[in-house]
Amino acid sequence: MKNVTTVLTLLLVSCMTGSTKTQYDCVQKLKEKIQVGDSQSDAEQALDQCGFTHSFDQKTSTIYALRRGDKDGLVKQDWSANIKLDEGRRVTSVKVEKVFTGP
């Protein structure tokens, strides 16, 4: 019985680690894919490929994006991206960060 519990625990930890690594890899790719000078459509396409939902704020010329993560206990880890654009709708800055939510 102890061996079964150990195996199940290791399997669970392995699955959780793999999911987190996949999300992290995606975010790293996003930072590489979206470069200063890219068009708005190129930036939005990269967000779509990485599983982010996003919207464009015309007042601030900013794309706000969020990728929901897995809930781990009481805390949930998501990814947030803010992409600022100039008047020609070209990327001027990219900010990607982890966001933790919980009780």
PDB file of N, CA and C in Angstrom:
ATOM      1  N   MET A   1       0.825  -1.194   0.000  1.00  0.00           N
ATOM      2  CA  MET A   1       0.000   0.000   0.000  1.00  0.00           C
ATOM      3  C   MET A   1       0.862   1.247   0.000  1.00  0.00           C
ATOM      4  N   LYS A   2       1.981   1.192   0.729  1.00  0.00           N
ATOM      5  CA  LYS A   2       2.871   2.347   0.797  1.00  0.00           C
ATOM      6  C   LYS A   2       3.492   2.623  -0.576  1.00  0.00           C
ATOM      7  N   ASN A   3       3.825   1.564  -1.324  1.00  0.00           N
ATOM      8  CA  ASN A   3       4.404   1.726  -2.656  1.00  0.00           C
ATOM      9  C   ASN A   3       3.407   2.368  -3.620  1.00  0.00           C
ATOM     10  N   VAL A   4       2.149   1.982  -3.508  1.00  0.00           N
ATOM     11  CA  VAL A   4       1.117   2.550  -4.370  1.00  0.00           C
ATOM     12  C   VAL A   4       0.980   4.045  -4.077  1.00  0.00           C
ATOM     13  N   THR A   5       0.973   4.420  -2.809  1.00  0.00           N
ATOM     14  CA  THR A   5       0.870   5.824  -2.425  1.00  0.00           C
ATOM     15  C   THR A   5       2.076   6.603  -2.940  1.00  0.00           C
ATOM     16  N   THR A   6       3.241   6.037  -2.827  1.00  0.00           N
ATOM     17  CA  THR A   6       4.464   6.694  -3.308  1.00  0.00           C
ATOM     18  C   THR A   6       4.420   6.897  -4.816  1.00  0.00           C
ATOM     19  N   VAL A   7       3.993   5.874  -5.538  1.00  0.00           N
ATOM     20  CA  VAL A   7       3.911   5.961  -6.990  1.00  0.00           C
ATOM     21  C   VAL A   7       2.888   7.018  -7.403  1.00  0.00           C
ATOM     22  N   LEU A   8       1.736   7.018  -6.765  1.00  0.00           N
ATOM     23  CA  LEU A   8       0.707   8.011  -7.085  1.00  0.00           C
ATOM     24  C   LEU A   8       1.179   9.430  -6.779  1.00  0.00           C
ATOM     25  N   THR A   9       1.877   9.591  -5.678  1.00  0.00           N
ATOM     26  CA  THR A   9       2.407  10.905  -5.318  1.00  0.00           C
ATOM     27  C   THR A   9       3.417  11.383  -6.357  1.00  0.00           C
ATOM     28  N   LEU A  10       4.324  10.504  -6.749  1.00  0.00           N
ATOM     29  CA  LEU A  10       5.312  10.863  -7.758  1.00  0.00           C
ATOM     30  C   LEU A  10       4.661  11.194  -9.103  1.00  0.00           C
ATOM     31  N   LEU A  11       3.635  10.446  -9.474  1.00  0.00           N
ATOM     32  CA  LEU A  11       2.918  10.698 -10.712  1.00  0.00           C
ATOM     33  C   LEU A  11       2.231  12.064 -10.674  1.00  0.00           C
ATOM     34  N   LEU A  12       1.601  12.372  -9.565  1.00  0.00           N
ATOM     35  CA  LEU A  12       0.921  13.651  -9.402  1.00  0.00           C
ATOM     36  C   LEU A  12       1.912  14.805  -9.473  1.00  0.00           C
ATOM     37  N   VAL A  13       3.021  14.699  -8.784  1.00  0.00           N
ATOM     38  CA  VAL A  13       4.043  15.749  -8.807  1.00  0.00           C
ATOM     39  C   VAL A  13       4.604  15.910 -10.215  1.00  0.00           C
ATOM     40  N   SER A  14       4.821  14.809 -10.906  1.00  0.00           N
ATOM     41  CA  SER A  14       5.332  14.846 -12.270  1.00  0.00           C
ATOM     42  C   SER A  14       4.365  15.568 -13.204  1.00  0.00           C
ATOM     43  N   CYS A  15       3.090  15.282 -13.082  1.00  0.00           N
ATOM     44  CA  CYS A  15       2.077  15.934 -13.914  1.00  0.00           C
ATOM     45  C   CYS A  15       2.024  17.429 -13.636  1.00  0.00           C
ATOM     46  N   MET A  16       2.061  17.788 -12.364  1.00  0.00           N
ATOM     47  CA  MET A  16       2.011  19.207 -11.990  1.00  0.00           C
ATOM     48  C   MET A  16       3.250  19.928 -12.506  1.00  0.00           C
ATOM     49  N   THR A  17       4.396  19.349 -12.400  1.00  0.00           N
ATOM     50  CA  THR A  17       5.632  19.963 -12.860  1.00  0.00           C
ATOM     51  C   THR A  17       5.622  20.112 -14.374  1.00  0.00           C
ATOM     52  N   GLY A  18       5.155  19.115 -15.066  1.00  0.00           N
ATOM     53  CA  GLY A  18       5.079  19.179 -16.529  1.00  0.00           C
ATOM     54  C   GLY A  18       4.158  20.276 -17.000  1.00  0.00           C
ATOM     55  N   SER A  19       3.022  20.445 -16.357  1.00  0.00           N
ATOM     56  CA  SER A  19       2.075  21.488 -16.712  1.00  0.00           C
ATOM     57  C   SER A  19       2.674  22.870 -16.475  1.00  0.00           C
ATOM     58  N   THR A  20       3.338  23.038 -15.353  1.00  0.00           N
ATOM     59  CA  THR A  20       3.956  24.316 -15.038  1.00  0.00           C
ATOM     60  C   THR A  20       5.070  24.621 -16.027  1.00  0.00           C
ATOM     61  N   LYS A  21       5.866  23.622 -16.375  1.00  0.00           N
ATOM     62  CA  LYS A  21       6.963  23.827 -17.320  1.00  0.00           C
ATOM     63  C   LYS A  21       6.421  24.210 -18.690  1.00  0.00           C
ATOM     64  N   THR A  22       5.342  23.585 -19.126  1.00  0.00           N
ATOM     65  CA  THR A  22       4.742  23.907 -20.409  1.00  0.00           C
ATOM     66  C   THR A  22       4.281  25.354 -20.433  1.00  0.00           C
ATOM     67  N   GLN A  23       3.638  25.789 -19.350  1.00  0.00           N
ATOM     68  CA  GLN A  23       3.197  27.183 -19.276  1.00  0.00           C
ATOM     69  C   GLN A  23       4.384  28.128 -19.302  1.00  0.00           C
ATOM     70  N   TYR A  24       5.428  27.798 -18.557  1.00  0.00           N
ATOM     71  CA  TYR A  24       6.609  28.647 -18.497  1.00  0.00           C
ATOM     72  C   TYR A  24       7.273  28.718 -19.869  1.00  0.00           C
ATOM     73  N   ASP A  25       7.396  27.596 -20.559  1.00  0.00           N
ATOM     74  CA  ASP A  25       7.983  27.574 -21.900  1.00  0.00           C
ATOM     75  C   ASP A  25       7.189  28.454 -22.856  1.00  0.00           C
ATOM     76  N   CYS A  26       5.888  28.393 -22.758  1.00  0.00           N
ATOM     77  CA  CYS A  26       5.026  29.201 -23.613  1.00  0.00           C
ATOM     78  C   CYS A  26       5.270  30.686 -23.363  1.00  0.00           C
ATOM     79  N   VAL A  27       5.373  31.059 -22.115  1.00  0.00           N
ATOM     80  CA  VAL A  27       5.600  32.461 -21.775  1.00  0.00           C
ATOM     81  C   VAL A  27       6.966  32.909 -22.279  1.00  0.00           C
ATOM     82  N   GLN A  28       7.972  32.049 -22.140  1.00  0.00           N
ATOM     83  CA  GLN A  28       9.307  32.392 -22.646  1.00  0.00           C
ATOM     84  C   GLN A  28       9.262  32.578 -24.165  1.00  0.00           C
ATOM     85  N   LYS A  29       8.535  31.734 -24.854  1.00  0.00           N
ATOM     86  CA  LYS A  29       8.395  31.871 -26.303  1.00  0.00           C
ATOM     87  C   LYS A  29       7.689  33.171 -26.653  1.00  0.00           C
ATOM     88  N   LEU A  30       6.715  33.545 -25.847  1.00  0.00           N
ATOM     89  CA  LEU A  30       5.974  34.774 -26.088  1.00  0.00           C
ATOM     90  C   LEU A  30       6.909  35.978 -26.028  1.00  0.00           C
ATOM     91  N   LYS A  31       7.786  36.009 -25.041  1.00  0.00           N
ATOM     92  CA  LYS A  31       8.740  37.110 -24.919  1.00  0.00           C
ATOM     93  C   LYS A  31       9.682  37.160 -26.117  1.00  0.00           C
ATOM     94  N   GLU A  32       9.995  36.001 -26.677  1.00  0.00           N
ATOM     95  CA  GLU A  32      10.873  35.942 -27.845  1.00  0.00           C
ATOM     96  C   GLU A  32      10.126  36.272 -29.131  1.00  0.00           C
ATOM     97  N   LYS A  33       8.865  35.876 -29.207  1.00  0.00           N
ATOM     98  CA  LYS A  33       8.086  36.076 -30.425  1.00  0.00           C
ATOM     99  C   LYS A  33       7.676  37.526 -30.624  1.00  0.00           C
ATOM    100  N   ILE A  34       7.312  38.206 -29.561  1.00  0.00           N
ATOM    101  CA  ILE A  34       6.836  39.583 -29.675  1.00  0.00           C
ATOM    102  C   ILE A  34       8.010  40.524 -29.421  1.00  0.00           C
ATOM    103  N   GLN A  35       8.444  41.171 -30.479  1.00  0.00           N
ATOM    104  CA  GLN A  35       9.588  42.074 -30.411  1.00  0.00           C
ATOM    105  C   GLN A  35       9.136  43.517 -30.618  1.00  0.00           C
ATOM    106  N   VAL A  36       9.918  44.452 -30.077  1.00  0.00           N
ATOM    107  CA  VAL A  36       9.661  45.873 -30.317  1.00  0.00           C
ATOM    108  C   VAL A  36       9.698  46.095 -31.831  1.00  0.00           C
ATOM    109  N   GLY A  37       8.664  46.784 -32.337  1.00  0.00           N
ATOM    110  CA  GLY A  37       8.550  47.045 -33.767  1.00  0.00           C
ATOM    111  C   GLY A  37       7.565  46.138 -34.478  1.00  0.00           C
ATOM    112  N   ASP A  38       7.166  45.029 -33.836  1.00  0.00           N
ATOM    113  CA  ASP A  38       6.171  44.132 -34.429  1.00  0.00           C
ATOM    114  C   ASP A  38       4.819  44.831 -34.533  1.00  0.00           C
ATOM    115  N   SER A  39       4.008  44.388 -35.476  1.00  0.00           N
ATOM    116  CA  SER A  39       2.670  44.956 -35.642  1.00  0.00           C
ATOM    117  C   SER A  39       1.715  44.425 -34.573  1.00  0.00           C
ATOM    118  N   GLN A  40       0.598  45.116 -34.416  1.00  0.00           N
ATOM    119  CA  GLN A  40      -0.422  44.676 -33.467  1.00  0.00           C
ATOM    120  C   GLN A  40      -0.928  43.286 -33.835  1.00  0.00           C
ATOM    121  N   SER A  41      -1.154  43.038 -35.112  1.00  0.00           N
ATOM    122  CA  SER A  41      -1.677  41.725 -35.511  1.00  0.00           C
ATOM    123  C   SER A  41      -0.665  40.612 -35.241  1.00  0.00           C
ATOM    124  N   ASP A  42       0.627  40.885 -35.428  1.00  0.00           N
ATOM    125  CA  ASP A  42       1.649  39.880 -35.111  1.00  0.00           C
ATOM    126  C   ASP A  42       1.663  39.568 -33.618  1.00  0.00           C
ATOM    127  N   ALA A  43       1.543  40.606 -32.796  1.00  0.00           N
ATOM    128  CA  ALA A  43       1.527  40.418 -31.342  1.00  0.00           C
ATOM    129  C   ALA A  43       0.301  39.612 -30.915  1.00  0.00           C
ATOM    130  N   GLU A  44      -0.853  39.939 -31.481  1.00  0.00           N
ATOM    131  CA  GLU A  44      -2.084  39.225 -31.133  1.00  0.00           C
ATOM    132  C   GLU A  44      -2.030  37.778 -31.596  1.00  0.00           C
ATOM    133  N   GLN A  45      -1.408  37.540 -32.740  1.00  0.00           N
ATOM    134  CA  GLN A  45      -1.272  36.169 -33.232  1.00  0.00           C
ATOM    135  C   GLN A  45      -0.392  35.345 -32.284  1.00  0.00           C
ATOM    136  N   ALA A  46       0.701  35.932 -31.800  1.00  0.00           N
ATOM    137  CA  ALA A  46       1.571  35.234 -30.852  1.00  0.00           C
ATOM    138  C   ALA A  46       0.826  34.943 -29.549  1.00  0.00           C
ATOM    139  N   LEU A  47       0.007  35.878 -29.093  1.00  0.00           N
ATOM    140  CA  LEU A  47      -0.796  35.664 -27.885  1.00  0.00           C
ATOM    141  C   LEU A  47      -1.768  34.508 -28.088  1.00  0.00           C
ATOM    142  N   ASP A  48      -2.425  34.481 -29.240  1.00  0.00           N
ATOM    143  CA  ASP A  48      -3.366  33.397 -29.547  1.00  0.00           C
ATOM    144  C   ASP A  48      -2.657  32.039 -29.548  1.00  0.00           C
ATOM    145  N   GLN A  49      -1.502  31.971 -30.174  1.00  0.00           N
ATOM    146  CA  GLN A  49      -0.757  30.714 -30.247  1.00  0.00           C
ATOM    147  C   GLN A  49      -0.334  30.226 -28.868  1.00  0.00           C
ATOM    148  N   CYS A  50      -0.173  31.166 -27.932  1.00  0.00           N
ATOM    149  CA  CYS A  50       0.295  30.807 -26.592  1.00  0.00           C
ATOM    150  C   CYS A  50      -0.869  30.594 -25.616  1.00  0.00           C
ATOM    151  N   GLY A  51      -2.099  30.711 -26.105  1.00  0.00           N
ATOM    152  CA  GLY A  51      -3.257  30.423 -25.264  1.00  0.00           C
ATOM    153  C   GLY A  51      -3.736  31.582 -24.397  1.00  0.00           C
ATOM    154  N   PHE A  52      -3.333  32.802 -24.729  1.00  0.00           N
ATOM    155  CA  PHE A  52      -3.782  33.975 -23.978  1.00  0.00           C
ATOM    156  C   PHE A  52      -5.102  34.483 -24.543  1.00  0.00           C
ATOM    157  N   THR A  53      -5.975  34.983 -23.676  1.00  0.00           N
ATOM    158  CA  THR A  53      -7.115  35.773 -24.119  1.00  0.00           C
ATOM    159  C   THR A  53      -6.664  37.223 -24.021  1.00  0.00           C
ATOM    160  N   HIS A  54      -7.140  38.057 -24.937  1.00  0.00           N
ATOM    161  CA  HIS A  54      -6.628  39.424 -24.951  1.00  0.00           C
ATOM    162  C   HIS A  54      -7.658  40.406 -25.479  1.00  0.00           C
ATOM    163  N   SER A  55      -7.418  41.678 -25.168  1.00  0.00           N
ATOM    164  CA  SER A  55      -8.244  42.765 -25.685  1.00  0.00           C
ATOM    165  C   SER A  55      -7.353  43.982 -25.896  1.00  0.00           C
ATOM    166  N   PHE A  56      -7.806  44.879 -26.758  1.00  0.00           N
ATOM    167  CA  PHE A  56      -7.036  46.078 -27.081  1.00  0.00           C
ATOM    168  C   PHE A  56      -7.759  47.297 -26.533  1.00  0.00           C
ATOM    169  N   ASP A  57      -7.056  48.103 -25.748  1.00  0.00           N
ATOM    170  CA  ASP A  57      -7.589  49.350 -25.194  1.00  0.00           C
ATOM    171  C   ASP A  57      -7.124  50.490 -26.095  1.00  0.00           C
ATOM    172  N   GLN A  58      -8.070  51.091 -26.819  1.00  0.00           N
ATOM    173  CA  GLN A  58      -7.715  52.141 -27.772  1.00  0.00           C
ATOM    174  C   GLN A  58      -7.236  53.418 -27.077  1.00  0.00           C
ATOM    175  N   LYS A  59      -7.756  53.696 -25.888  1.00  0.00           N
ATOM    176  CA  LYS A  59      -7.338  54.905 -25.170  1.00  0.00           C
ATOM    177  C   LYS A  59      -5.861  54.874 -24.803  1.00  0.00           C
ATOM    178  N   THR A  60      -5.389  53.720 -24.322  1.00  0.00           N
ATOM    179  CA  THR A  60      -4.002  53.604 -23.868  1.00  0.00           C
ATOM    180  C   THR A  60      -3.095  52.929 -24.896  1.00  0.00           C
ATOM    181  N   SER A  61      -3.669  52.509 -26.026  1.00  0.00           N
ATOM    182  CA  SER A  61      -2.928  51.773 -27.063  1.00  0.00           C
ATOM    183  C   SER A  61      -2.162  50.589 -26.454  1.00  0.00           C
ATOM    184  N   THR A  62      -2.883  49.808 -25.647  1.00  0.00           N
ATOM    185  CA  THR A  62      -2.276  48.675 -24.956  1.00  0.00           C
ATOM    186  C   THR A  62      -3.107  47.416 -25.189  1.00  0.00           C
ATOM    187  N   ILE A  63      -2.413  46.309 -25.452  1.00  0.00           N
ATOM    188  CA  ILE A  63      -3.057  44.998 -25.505  1.00  0.00           C
ATOM    189  C   ILE A  63      -2.909  44.391 -24.110  1.00  0.00           C
ATOM    190  N   TYR A  64      -4.027  44.053 -23.493  1.00  0.00           N
ATOM    191  CA  TYR A  64      -4.025  43.379 -22.195  1.00  0.00           C
ATOM    192  C   TYR A  64      -4.354  41.913 -22.434  1.00  0.00           C
ATOM    193  N   ALA A  65      -3.528  41.032 -21.895  1.00  0.00           N
ATOM    194  CA  ALA A  65      -3.712  39.602 -22.143  1.00  0.00           C
ATOM    195  C   ALA A  65      -3.596  38.818 -20.839  1.00  0.00           C
ATOM    196  N   LEU A  66      -4.315  37.696 -20.776  1.00  0.00           N
ATOM    197  CA  LEU A  66      -4.300  36.841 -19.592  1.00  0.00           C
ATOM    198  C   LEU A  66      -4.358  35.387 -20.030  1.00  0.00           C
ATOM    199  N   ARG A  67      -3.534  34.600 -19.384  1.00  0.00           N
ATOM    200  CA  ARG A  67      -3.576  33.156 -19.590  1.00  0.00           C
ATOM    201  C   ARG A  67      -3.831  32.510 -18.233  1.00  0.00           C
ATOM    202  N   ARG A  68      -4.930  31.808 -18.132  1.00  0.00           N
ATOM    203  CA  ARG A  68      -5.295  31.154 -16.880  1.00  0.00           C
ATOM    204  C   ARG A  68      -4.430  29.930 -16.656  1.00  0.00           C
ATOM    205  N   GLY A  69      -3.958  29.792 -15.429  1.00  0.00           N
ATOM    206  CA  GLY A  69      -3.144  28.644 -15.060  1.00  0.00           C
ATOM    207  C   GLY A  69      -3.948  27.645 -14.256  1.00  0.00           C
ATOM    208  N   ASP A  70      -3.250  26.649 -13.776  1.00  0.00           N
ATOM    209  CA  ASP A  70      -3.887  25.611 -12.967  1.00  0.00           C
ATOM    210  C   ASP A  70      -3.977  26.068 -11.523  1.00  0.00           C
ATOM    211  N   LYS A  71      -5.020  25.642 -10.868  1.00  0.00           N
ATOM    212  CA  LYS A  71      -5.174  25.929  -9.448  1.00  0.00           C
ATOM    213  C   LYS A  71      -4.369  24.903  -8.665  1.00  0.00           C
ATOM    214  N   ASP A  72      -3.521  25.391  -7.788  1.00  0.00           N
ATOM    215  CA  ASP A  72      -2.671  24.526  -6.972  1.00  0.00           C
ATOM    216  C   ASP A  72      -2.989  24.819  -5.517  1.00  0.00           C
ATOM    217  N   GLY A  73      -3.901  24.045  -4.940  1.00  0.00           N
ATOM    218  CA  GLY A  73      -4.323  24.306  -3.562  1.00  0.00           C
ATOM    219  C   GLY A  73      -5.231  25.522  -3.522  1.00  0.00           C
ATOM    220  N   LEU A  74      -4.907  26.470  -2.674  1.00  0.00           N
ATOM    221  CA  LEU A  74      -5.719  27.674  -2.545  1.00  0.00           C
ATOM    222  C   LEU A  74      -5.314  28.769  -3.525  1.00  0.00           C
ATOM    223  N   VAL A  75      -4.142  28.659  -4.097  1.00  0.00           N
ATOM    224  CA  VAL A  75      -3.610  29.713  -4.953  1.00  0.00           C
ATOM    225  C   VAL A  75      -3.628  29.268  -6.408  1.00  0.00           C
ATOM    226  N   LYS A  76      -3.959  30.203  -7.293  1.00  0.00           N
ATOM    227  CA  LYS A  76      -3.973  29.941  -8.720  1.00  0.00           C
ATOM    228  C   LYS A  76      -2.923  30.826  -9.383  1.00  0.00           C
ATOM    229  N   GLN A  77      -2.103  30.244 -10.249  1.00  0.00           N
ATOM    230  CA  GLN A  77      -1.082  31.001 -10.962  1.00  0.00           C
ATOM    231  C   GLN A  77      -1.524  31.239 -12.390  1.00  0.00           C
ATOM    232  N   ASP A  78      -1.644  32.509 -12.753  1.00  0.00           N
ATOM    233  CA  ASP A  78      -1.975  32.908 -14.110  1.00  0.00           C
ATOM    234  C   ASP A  78      -0.787  33.673 -14.687  1.00  0.00           C
ATOM    235  N   TRP A  79      -0.863  33.980 -15.980  1.00  0.00           N
ATOM    236  CA  TRP A  79       0.148  34.805 -16.643  1.00  0.00           C
ATOM    237  C   TRP A  79      -0.550  36.028 -17.209  1.00  0.00           C
ATOM    238  N   SER A  80       0.073  37.188 -17.038  1.00  0.00           N
ATOM    239  CA  SER A  80      -0.458  38.440 -17.536  1.00  0.00           C
ATOM    240  C   SER A  80       0.538  39.057 -18.513  1.00  0.00           C
ATOM    241  N   ALA A  81       0.037  39.656 -19.588  1.00  0.00           N
ATOM    242  CA  ALA A  81       0.897  40.344 -20.548  1.00  0.00           C
ATOM    243  C   ALA A  81       0.302  41.705 -20.874  1.00  0.00           C
ATOM    244  N   ASN A  82       1.142  42.730 -20.865  1.00  0.00           N
ATOM    245  CA  ASN A  82       0.764  44.076 -21.283  1.00  0.00           C
ATOM    246  C   ASN A  82       1.701  44.475 -22.413  1.00  0.00           C
ATOM    247  N   ILE A  83       1.108  44.773 -23.548  1.00  0.00           N
ATOM    248  CA  ILE A  83       1.898  45.126 -24.727  1.00  0.00           C
ATOM    249  C   ILE A  83       1.490  46.524 -25.163  1.00  0.00           C
ATOM    250  N   LYS A  84       2.407  47.465 -25.063  1.00  0.00           N
ATOM    251  CA  LYS A  84       2.129  48.848 -25.444  1.00  0.00           C
ATOM    252  C   LYS A  84       2.491  49.061 -26.904  1.00  0.00           C
ATOM    253  N   LEU A  85       1.646  49.849 -27.573  1.00  0.00           N
ATOM    254  CA  LEU A  85       1.820  50.131 -28.996  1.00  0.00           C
ATOM    255  C   LEU A  85       1.958  51.635 -29.222  1.00  0.00           C
ATOM    256  N   ASP A  86       2.600  52.008 -30.327  1.00  0.00           N
ATOM    257  CA  ASP A  86       2.698  53.420 -30.679  1.00  0.00           C
ATOM    258  C   ASP A  86       1.532  53.806 -31.589  1.00  0.00           C
ATOM    259  N   GLU A  87       1.584  55.031 -32.142  1.00  0.00           N
ATOM    260  CA  GLU A  87       0.485  55.526 -32.993  1.00  0.00           C
ATOM    261  C   GLU A  87       0.308  54.683 -34.248  1.00  0.00           C
ATOM    262  N   GLY A  88       1.392  54.099 -34.734  1.00  0.00           N
ATOM    263  CA  GLY A  88       1.319  53.253 -35.923  1.00  0.00           C
ATOM    264  C   GLY A  88       0.964  51.813 -35.613  1.00  0.00           C
ATOM    265  N   ARG A  89       0.546  51.573 -34.368  1.00  0.00           N
ATOM    266  CA  ARG A  89       0.171  50.229 -33.890  1.00  0.00           C
ATOM    267  C   ARG A  89       1.326  49.239 -33.980  1.00  0.00           C
ATOM    268  N   ARG A  90       2.517  49.715 -33.620  1.00  0.00           N
ATOM    269  CA  ARG A  90       3.717  48.882 -33.527  1.00  0.00           C
ATOM    270  C   ARG A  90       4.083  48.725 -32.060  1.00  0.00           C
ATOM    271  N   VAL A  91       4.601  47.562 -31.705  1.00  0.00           N
ATOM    272  CA  VAL A  91       4.959  47.260 -30.312  1.00  0.00           C
ATOM    273  C   VAL A  91       6.115  48.156 -29.859  1.00  0.00           C
ATOM    274  N   THR A  92       5.917  48.784 -28.683  1.00  0.00           N
ATOM    275  CA  THR A  92       6.988  49.585 -28.078  1.00  0.00           C
ATOM    276  C   THR A  92       7.525  48.928 -26.804  1.00  0.00           C
ATOM    277  N   SER A  93       6.701  48.112 -26.141  1.00  0.00           N
ATOM    278  CA  SER A  93       7.176  47.393 -24.950  1.00  0.00           C
ATOM    279  C   SER A  93       6.309  46.170 -24.695  1.00  0.00           C
ATOM    280  N   VAL A  94       6.939  45.166 -24.077  1.00  0.00           N
ATOM    281  CA  VAL A  94       6.254  43.923 -23.727  1.00  0.00           C
ATOM    282  C   VAL A  94       6.571  43.604 -22.280  1.00  0.00           C
ATOM    283  N   LYS A  95       5.519  43.373 -21.494  1.00  0.00           N
ATOM    284  CA  LYS A  95       5.693  42.997 -20.087  1.00  0.00           C
ATOM    285  C   LYS A  95       4.870  41.738 -19.840  1.00  0.00           C
ATOM    286  N   VAL A  96       5.536  40.681 -19.395  1.00  0.00           N
ATOM    287  CA  VAL A  96       4.877  39.411 -19.078  1.00  0.00           C
ATOM    288  C   VAL A  96       5.246  39.037 -17.669  1.00  0.00           C
ATOM    289  N   GLU A  97       4.232  38.685 -16.854  1.00  0.00           N
ATOM    290  CA  GLU A  97       4.512  38.351 -15.461  1.00  0.00           C
ATOM    291  C   GLU A  97       3.526  37.321 -14.921  1.00  0.00           C
ATOM    292  N   LYS A  98       3.938  36.665 -13.846  1.00  0.00           N
ATOM    293  CA  LYS A  98       3.068  35.728 -13.144  1.00  0.00           C
ATOM    294  C   LYS A  98       2.107  36.535 -12.275  1.00  0.00           C
ATOM    295  N   VAL A  99       0.881  36.031 -12.174  1.00  0.00           N
ATOM    296  CA  VAL A  99      -0.123  36.645 -11.325  1.00  0.00           C
ATOM    297  C   VAL A  99      -0.702  35.541 -10.448  1.00  0.00           C
ATOM    298  N   PHE A 100      -0.647  35.737  -9.151  1.00  0.00           N
ATOM    299  CA  PHE A 100      -1.187  34.751  -8.205  1.00  0.00           C
ATOM    300  C   PHE A 100      -2.492  35.270  -7.640  1.00  0.00           C
ATOM    301  N   THR A 101      -3.527  34.426  -7.665  1.00  0.00           N
ATOM    302  CA  THR A 101      -4.815  34.788  -7.067  1.00  0.00           C
ATOM    303  C   THR A 101      -5.217  33.706  -6.071  1.00  0.00           C
ATOM    304  N   GLY A 102      -5.944  34.097  -5.099  1.00  0.00           N
ATOM    305  CA  GLY A 102      -6.400  33.169  -4.082  1.00  0.00           C
ATOM    306  C   GLY A 102      -7.240  33.876  -3.044  1.00  0.00           C
ATOM    307  N   PRO A 103      -7.547  33.168  -2.001  1.00  0.00           N
ATOM    308  CA  PRO A 103      -8.417  33.766  -0.982  1.00  0.00           C
ATOM    309  C   PRO A 103      -7.786  34.922  -0.244  1.00  0.00           C
TER     310      PRO A 103
END
